[in-house]
């Protein structure tokens, strides 16, 4: 059975590690890469392309998760699932685009 390759993008190490542990216990998933910000993630696409990305919206650094997702859409056709503790209407509207 082919595993679904996942990249985790979140600047909170504990959350990222916990999510990786949960995903890796499922035989259908394989976490192939982790990144702490949008730029690191986009750079990683040169060496490993996931089937799906789980990304925090509010990343530290020069590029937030929404901006990184726009770049992914320009370069690849990889689905992105946003993870966030922020549920205000403005943030959700930007993410939906």
C-alpha atoms as a PDB file:
ATOM      1  CA  UNK A   1       0.000   0.000   0.000  1.00  0.00           C
ATOM      2  CA  UNK A   2       1.322   3.418  -0.972  1.00  0.00           C
ATOM      3  CA  UNK A   3       1.556   5.797   1.968  1.00  0.00           C
ATOM      4  CA  UNK A   4       0.356   9.389   1.739  1.00  0.00           C
ATOM      5  CA  UNK A   5       3.428  11.616   2.009  1.00  0.00           C
ATOM      6  CA  UNK A   6       2.902  14.564   4.351  1.00  0.00           C
ATOM      7  CA  UNK A   7       4.914  17.674   5.143  1.00  0.00           C
ATOM      8  CA  UNK A   8       4.286  19.477   8.436  1.00  0.00           C
ATOM      9  CA  UNK A   9       4.859  23.229   8.554  1.00  0.00           C
ATOM     10  CA  UNK A  10       4.557  24.763  12.015  1.00  0.00           C
ATOM     11  CA  UNK A  11       6.857  26.908  14.113  1.00  0.00           C
ATOM     12  CA  UNK A  12       5.782  25.267  17.377  1.00  0.00           C
ATOM     13  CA  UNK A  13       8.057  22.275  17.896  1.00  0.00           C
ATOM     14  CA  UNK A  14       5.881  20.512  20.486  1.00  0.00           C
ATOM     15  CA  UNK A  15       2.795  20.701  18.301  1.00  0.00           C
ATOM     16  CA  UNK A  16       4.705  19.557  15.216  1.00  0.00           C
ATOM     17  CA  UNK A  17       6.306  16.645  17.098  1.00  0.00           C
ATOM     18  CA  UNK A  18       2.976  15.543  18.567  1.00  0.00           C
ATOM     19  CA  UNK A  19       1.269  15.661  15.197  1.00  0.00           C
ATOM     20  CA  UNK A  20       4.136  13.701  13.621  1.00  0.00           C
ATOM     21  CA  UNK A  21       3.815  10.979  16.265  1.00  0.00           C
ATOM     22  CA  UNK A  22       0.055  10.712  15.632  1.00  0.00           C
ATOM     23  CA  UNK A  23       0.456  10.579  11.863  1.00  0.00           C
ATOM     24  CA  UNK A  24       3.313   8.091  11.925  1.00  0.00           C
ATOM     25  CA  UNK A  25       1.221   5.631  13.949  1.00  0.00           C
ATOM     26  CA  UNK A  26      -1.211   5.406  11.038  1.00  0.00           C
ATOM     27  CA  UNK A  27       0.023   2.958   8.374  1.00  0.00           C
ATOM     28  CA  UNK A  28      -1.509   5.106   5.616  1.00  0.00           C
ATOM     29  CA  UNK A  29       0.637   8.185   6.345  1.00  0.00           C
ATOM     30  CA  UNK A  30       4.327   9.026   6.219  1.00  0.00           C
ATOM     31  CA  UNK A  31       5.701  12.386   7.385  1.00  0.00           C
ATOM     32  CA  UNK A  32       8.490  13.040   4.891  1.00  0.00           C
ATOM     33  CA  UNK A  33       9.473  16.539   5.931  1.00  0.00           C
ATOM     34  CA  UNK A  34       9.011  19.206   8.579  1.00  0.00           C
ATOM     35  CA  UNK A  35       9.568  22.938   8.375  1.00  0.00           C
ATOM     36  CA  UNK A  36       9.408  25.797  10.846  1.00  0.00           C
ATOM     37  CA  UNK A  37       8.524  28.542   8.362  1.00  0.00           C
ATOM     38  CA  UNK A  38       7.295  29.122   4.825  1.00  0.00           C
ATOM     39  CA  UNK A  39      10.693  29.768   3.267  1.00  0.00           C
ATOM     40  CA  UNK A  40      12.241  26.600   4.710  1.00  0.00           C
ATOM     41  CA  UNK A  41       9.258  24.641   3.428  1.00  0.00           C
ATOM     42  CA  UNK A  42       9.427  26.097  -0.087  1.00  0.00           C
ATOM     43  CA  UNK A  43      13.157  25.370  -0.216  1.00  0.00           C
ATOM     44  CA  UNK A  44      12.445  21.748   0.778  1.00  0.00           C
ATOM     45  CA  UNK A  45      10.206  21.282  -2.268  1.00  0.00           C
ATOM     46  CA  UNK A  46      13.342  21.075  -4.401  1.00  0.00           C
ATOM     47  CA  UNK A  47      14.203  17.714  -2.811  1.00  0.00           C
ATOM     48  CA  UNK A  48      10.918  16.182  -1.621  1.00  0.00           C
ATOM     49  CA  UNK A  49       7.373  16.703  -2.895  1.00  0.00           C
ATOM     50  CA  UNK A  50       4.604  15.697  -0.476  1.00  0.00           C
ATOM     51  CA  UNK A  51       1.117  14.553  -1.403  1.00  0.00           C
ATOM     52  CA  UNK A  52      -0.352  16.982   1.138  1.00  0.00           C
ATOM     53  CA  UNK A  53       0.816  19.786   3.423  1.00  0.00           C
ATOM     54  CA  UNK A  54      -0.438  20.485   6.946  1.00  0.00           C
ATOM     55  CA  UNK A  55       0.431  24.123   7.569  1.00  0.00           C
ATOM     56  CA  UNK A  56       0.023  26.605  10.378  1.00  0.00           C
ATOM     57  CA  UNK A  57      -1.420  29.910   9.157  1.00  0.00           C
ATOM     58  CA  UNK A  58       0.530  32.115  11.558  1.00  0.00           C
ATOM     59  CA  UNK A  59       4.170  31.219  10.953  1.00  0.00           C
ATOM     60  CA  UNK A  60       7.078  33.253  12.263  1.00  0.00           C
ATOM     61  CA  UNK A  61       9.462  34.704   9.713  1.00  0.00           C
ATOM     62  CA  UNK A  62       9.136  36.558   6.462  1.00  0.00           C
ATOM     63  CA  UNK A  63       6.289  34.419   5.082  1.00  0.00           C
ATOM     64  CA  UNK A  64       3.113  33.273   6.841  1.00  0.00           C
ATOM     65  CA  UNK A  65       1.266  30.080   5.972  1.00  0.00           C
ATOM     66  CA  UNK A  66      -1.203  31.767   3.628  1.00  0.00           C
ATOM     67  CA  UNK A  67       1.619  33.353   1.626  1.00  0.00           C
ATOM     68  CA  UNK A  68       3.466  30.024   1.495  1.00  0.00           C
ATOM     69  CA  UNK A  69       0.291  28.306   0.237  1.00  0.00           C
ATOM     70  CA  UNK A  70       0.016  30.864  -2.587  1.00  0.00           C
ATOM     71  CA  UNK A  71       3.580  30.034  -3.608  1.00  0.00           C
ATOM     72  CA  UNK A  72       2.814  26.305  -3.505  1.00  0.00           C
ATOM     73  CA  UNK A  73      -0.143  26.879  -5.813  1.00  0.00           C
ATOM     74  CA  UNK A  74       2.106  28.723  -8.288  1.00  0.00           C
ATOM     75  CA  UNK A  75       4.745  25.968  -8.340  1.00  0.00           C
ATOM     76  CA  UNK A  76       2.911  22.704  -7.644  1.00  0.00           C
ATOM     77  CA  UNK A  77      -0.547  21.284  -7.299  1.00  0.00           C
ATOM     78  CA  UNK A  78      -0.209  20.188  -3.671  1.00  0.00           C
ATOM     79  CA  UNK A  79      -3.260  20.391  -1.392  1.00  0.00           C
ATOM     80  CA  UNK A  80      -2.774  22.413   1.804  1.00  0.00           C
ATOM     81  CA  UNK A  81      -4.720  21.919   5.012  1.00  0.00           C
ATOM     82  CA  UNK A  82      -4.392  24.893   7.323  1.00  0.00           C
ATOM     83  CA  UNK A  83      -3.997  24.411  11.056  1.00  0.00           C
ATOM     84  CA  UNK A  84      -4.521  27.402  13.290  1.00  0.00           C
ATOM     85  CA  UNK A  85      -5.544  28.634  16.688  1.00  0.00           C
ATOM     86  CA  UNK A  86      -6.718  31.869  15.046  1.00  0.00           C
ATOM     87  CA  UNK A  87     -10.304  31.752  13.864  1.00  0.00           C
ATOM     88  CA  UNK A  88     -11.103  35.398  13.220  1.00  0.00           C
ATOM     89  CA  UNK A  89     -13.064  36.149  10.045  1.00  0.00           C
ATOM     90  CA  UNK A  90     -10.266  38.122   8.393  1.00  0.00           C
ATOM     91  CA  UNK A  91      -7.742  35.276   8.719  1.00  0.00           C
ATOM     92  CA  UNK A  92     -10.259  32.650   7.594  1.00  0.00           C
ATOM     93  CA  UNK A  93     -11.252  34.731   4.550  1.00  0.00           C
ATOM     94  CA  UNK A  94      -7.607  35.028   3.473  1.00  0.00           C
ATOM     95  CA  UNK A  95      -7.064  31.300   3.939  1.00  0.00           C
ATOM     96  CA  UNK A  96     -10.110  30.408   1.835  1.00  0.00           C
ATOM     97  CA  UNK A  97      -8.704  32.245  -1.170  1.00  0.00           C
END
